[in-house]
C-alpha atoms as a PDB file:
ATOM      1  CA  HIS A   1     -13.231 -12.005   8.341  1.00  0.00           C
ATOM      2  CA  THR A   2     -10.470 -11.305   5.855  1.00  0.00           C
ATOM      3  CA  HIS A   3      -8.228 -10.256   8.765  1.00  0.00           C
ATOM      4  CA  THR A   4      -7.869 -13.914   9.456  1.00  0.00           C
ATOM      5  CA  TYR A   5      -6.692 -14.946   6.074  1.00  0.00           C
ATOM      6  CA  THR A   6      -3.785 -17.438   5.983  1.00  0.00           C
ATOM      7  CA  LEU A   7      -0.297 -16.829   7.202  1.00  0.00           C
ATOM      8  CA  ASN A   8       0.841 -17.051   3.564  1.00  0.00           C
ATOM      9  CA  SER A   9      -1.486 -14.233   2.494  1.00  0.00           C
ATOM     10  CA  PRO A  10       0.137 -10.915   1.629  1.00  0.00           C
ATOM     11  CA  LEU A  11      -2.537  -9.394   3.885  1.00  0.00           C
ATOM     12  CA  PHE A  12      -1.117 -11.199   6.934  1.00  0.00           C
ATOM     13  CA  SER A  13       1.882  -8.960   7.512  1.00  0.00           C
ATOM     14  CA  PRO A  14       3.868  -7.372  10.273  1.00  0.00           C
ATOM     15  CA  GLU A  15       2.706  -4.135   8.622  1.00  0.00           C
ATOM     16  CA  LEU A  16      -0.878  -4.590   9.741  1.00  0.00           C
ATOM     17  CA  SER A  17      -2.191  -1.709  11.881  1.00  0.00           C
ATOM     18  CA  GLU A  18      -2.272  -2.328  15.632  1.00  0.00           C
ATOM     19  CA  GLY A  19      -6.148  -2.367  15.410  1.00  0.00           C
ATOM     20  CA  SER A  20      -6.055  -5.051  12.743  1.00  0.00           C
ATOM     21  CA  LYS A  21      -3.605  -7.150  14.757  1.00  0.00           C
ATOM     22  CA  ARG A  22      -5.931  -7.005  17.782  1.00  0.00           C
ATOM     23  CA  THR A  23      -8.922  -7.939  15.602  1.00  0.00           C
ATOM     24  CA  LEU A  24      -6.981 -10.819  14.085  1.00  0.00           C
ATOM     25  CA  VAL A  25      -6.350 -12.295  17.537  1.00  0.00           C
ATOM     26  CA  PHE A  26      -9.983 -11.648  18.586  1.00  0.00           C
ATOM     27  CA  GLN A  27     -11.282 -13.437  15.465  1.00  0.00           C
ATOM     28  CA  GLY A  28      -9.257 -16.549  16.111  1.00  0.00           C
ATOM     29  CA  GLY A  29      -6.076 -15.886  14.121  1.00  0.00           C
ATOM     30  CA  PRO A  30      -5.218 -16.758  10.532  1.00  0.00           C
ATOM     31  CA  MET A  31      -7.432 -19.184   8.608  1.00  0.00           C
ATOM     32  CA  SER A  32      -6.426 -22.779   8.207  1.00  0.00           C
ATOM     33  CA  PRO A  33      -5.717 -23.943   4.688  1.00  0.00           C
ATOM     34  CA  THR A  34      -9.152 -25.592   4.626  1.00  0.00           C
ATOM     35  CA  GLU A  35     -10.850 -22.352   5.697  1.00  0.00           C
ATOM     36  CA  ALA A  36      -8.861 -20.390   3.148  1.00  0.00           C
ATOM     37  CA  ALA A  37     -10.072 -22.781   0.389  1.00  0.00           C
ATOM     38  CA  VAL A  38     -13.713 -22.174   1.454  1.00  0.00           C
ATOM     39  CA  PHE A  39     -13.121 -18.429   1.580  1.00  0.00           C
ATOM     40  CA  GLU A  40     -11.503 -18.451  -1.888  1.00  0.00           C
ATOM     41  CA  SER A  41     -14.537 -20.243  -3.302  1.00  0.00           C
ATOM     42  CA  ASP A  42     -16.844 -17.358  -2.282  1.00  0.00           C
ATOM     43  CA  PRO A  43     -18.126 -15.652  -5.445  1.00  0.00           C
ATOM     44  CA  LEU A  44     -17.383 -12.341  -3.748  1.00  0.00           C
ATOM     45  CA  PHE A  45     -13.826 -13.351  -2.764  1.00  0.00           C
ATOM     46  CA  GLN A  46     -12.128 -10.698  -4.838  1.00  0.00           C
ATOM     47  CA  GLU A  47     -14.469  -7.981  -3.538  1.00  0.00           C
ATOM     48  CA  CYS A  48     -13.724  -9.106   0.032  1.00  0.00           C
ATOM     49  CA  MET A  49      -9.993  -8.884  -0.562  1.00  0.00           C
ATOM     50  CA  SER A  50     -10.275  -5.479  -2.158  1.00  0.00           C
ATOM     51  CA  LEU A  51     -12.274  -4.199   0.757  1.00  0.00           C
ATOM     52  CA  ARG A  52      -9.667  -5.579   3.164  1.00  0.00           C
ATOM     53  CA  ARG A  53      -6.868  -3.858   1.322  1.00  0.00           C
ATOM     54  CA  TRP A  54      -8.738  -0.563   1.211  1.00  0.00           C
ATOM     55  CA  ASP A  55      -9.577  -0.822   4.926  1.00  0.00           C
ATOM     56  CA  GLU A  56      -5.918  -1.353   5.842  1.00  0.00           C
ATOM     57  CA  ALA A  57      -4.685   1.408   3.515  1.00  0.00           C
ATOM     58  CA  ALA A  58      -7.200   3.905   4.863  1.00  0.00           C
ATOM     59  CA  LYS A  59      -5.883   3.743   8.465  1.00  0.00           C
ATOM     60  CA  VAL A  60      -4.101   7.020   9.035  1.00  0.00           C
ATOM     61  CA  SER A  61      -3.292   7.759  12.625  1.00  0.00           C
ATOM     62  CA  GLY A  62      -4.454  11.219  13.742  1.00  0.00           C
ATOM     63  CA  LEU A  63      -6.343  11.933  10.491  1.00  0.00           C
ATOM     64  CA  ASP A  64      -9.295  14.385  11.011  1.00  0.00           C
ATOM     65  CA  VAL A  65     -12.326  12.752   9.369  1.00  0.00           C
ATOM     66  CA  PRO A  66     -16.020  13.715   9.045  1.00  0.00           C
ATOM     67  CA  SER A  67     -18.460  12.261  11.574  1.00  0.00           C
ATOM     68  CA  MET A  68     -20.265   9.025  10.818  1.00  0.00           C
ATOM     69  CA  ALA A  69     -23.505  10.964  10.681  1.00  0.00           C
ATOM     70  CA  SER A  70     -22.223  12.937   7.723  1.00  0.00           C
ATOM     71  CA  TYR A  71     -22.267   9.753   5.669  1.00  0.00           C
ATOM     72  CA  GLY A  72     -25.912   8.955   6.481  1.00  0.00           C
ATOM     73  CA  GLU A  73     -27.397   9.804   3.095  1.00  0.00           C
ATOM     74  CA  LEU A  74     -24.708   7.985   1.191  1.00  0.00           C
ATOM     75  CA  LEU A  75     -25.128   4.884   3.362  1.00  0.00           C
ATOM     76  CA  GLN A  76     -28.914   4.985   2.972  1.00  0.00           C
ATOM     77  CA  ARG A  77     -28.577   5.101  -0.805  1.00  0.00           C
ATOM     78  CA  ALA A  78     -26.144   2.192  -0.775  1.00  0.00           C
ATOM     79  CA  ILE A  79     -28.447   0.098   1.369  1.00  0.00           C
ATOM     80  CA  VAL A  80     -31.617   0.908  -0.551  1.00  0.00           C
ATOM     81  CA  HIS A  81     -30.015   0.736  -3.975  1.00  0.00           C
ATOM     82  CA  PRO A  82     -27.287  -1.858  -3.764  1.00  0.00           C
ATOM     83  CA  ARG A  83     -25.003  -2.262  -6.781  1.00  0.00           C
ATOM     84  CA  ARG A  84     -25.467  -6.030  -6.843  1.00  0.00           C
ATOM     85  CA  ALA A  85     -28.852  -7.637  -7.183  1.00  0.00           C
ATOM     86  CA  ALA A  86     -29.932  -9.759  -4.170  1.00  0.00           C
ATOM     87  CA  ASP A  87     -30.197 -12.814  -6.414  1.00  0.00           C
ATOM     88  CA  ALA A  88     -26.500 -12.506  -7.246  1.00  0.00           C
ATOM     89  CA  VAL A  89     -25.620 -13.749  -3.722  1.00  0.00           C
ATOM     90  CA  GLN A  90     -24.666 -17.379  -4.031  1.00  0.00           C
ATOM     91  CA  GLY A  91     -24.749 -18.477  -0.410  1.00  0.00           C
ATOM     92  CA  SER A  92     -23.647 -17.818   3.129  1.00  0.00           C
ATOM     93  CA  TYR A  93     -20.826 -19.018   5.308  1.00  0.00           C
ATOM     94  CA  VAL A  94     -21.293 -22.052   7.553  1.00  0.00           C
ATOM     95  CA  ARG A  95     -19.282 -21.723  10.751  1.00  0.00           C
ATOM     96  CA  ASN A  96     -18.502 -23.590  13.906  1.00  0.00           C
ATOM     97  CA  GLY A  97     -17.557 -20.774  16.253  1.00  0.00           C
ATOM     98  CA  ASN A  98     -14.790 -18.863  14.421  1.00  0.00           C
ATOM     99  CA  THR A  99     -14.008 -21.808  12.135  1.00  0.00           C
ATOM    100  CA  LEU A 100     -15.152 -21.359   8.581  1.00  0.00           C
ATOM    101  CA  LEU A 101     -16.569 -24.711   7.256  1.00  0.00           C
ATOM    102  CA  ALA A 102     -18.264 -24.129   3.961  1.00  0.00           C
ATOM    103  CA  ILE A 103     -20.425 -21.846   1.809  1.00  0.00           C
ATOM    104  CA  ALA A 104     -24.082 -23.020   1.837  1.00  0.00           C
ATOM    105  CA  ALA A 105     -26.285 -22.351  -1.120  1.00  0.00           C
ATOM    106  CA  ILE A 106     -29.280 -20.158  -0.490  1.00  0.00           C
END
């Protein structure tokens, strides 16, 4: 949901790819300041922002890439052996539709 970060975010930019702009609209637009504060309190906030930056930087129109199936083994290893222990997860987002309300403790 980092597409919908605030209008003041460096990630909300006219330079977003067309796909990201469409997703931003679909997800309800930029976060409100209240939603942004909740998002920033997420223990994985920095990881979320890094992933968003990598996602946007990786969009190269017309690039020939391997099939999704070619990543199967890598994905399986990542799912079966995650880098972060399950007990490191601090909570989950509480939403009302697309509105981010809080992070609930697990």
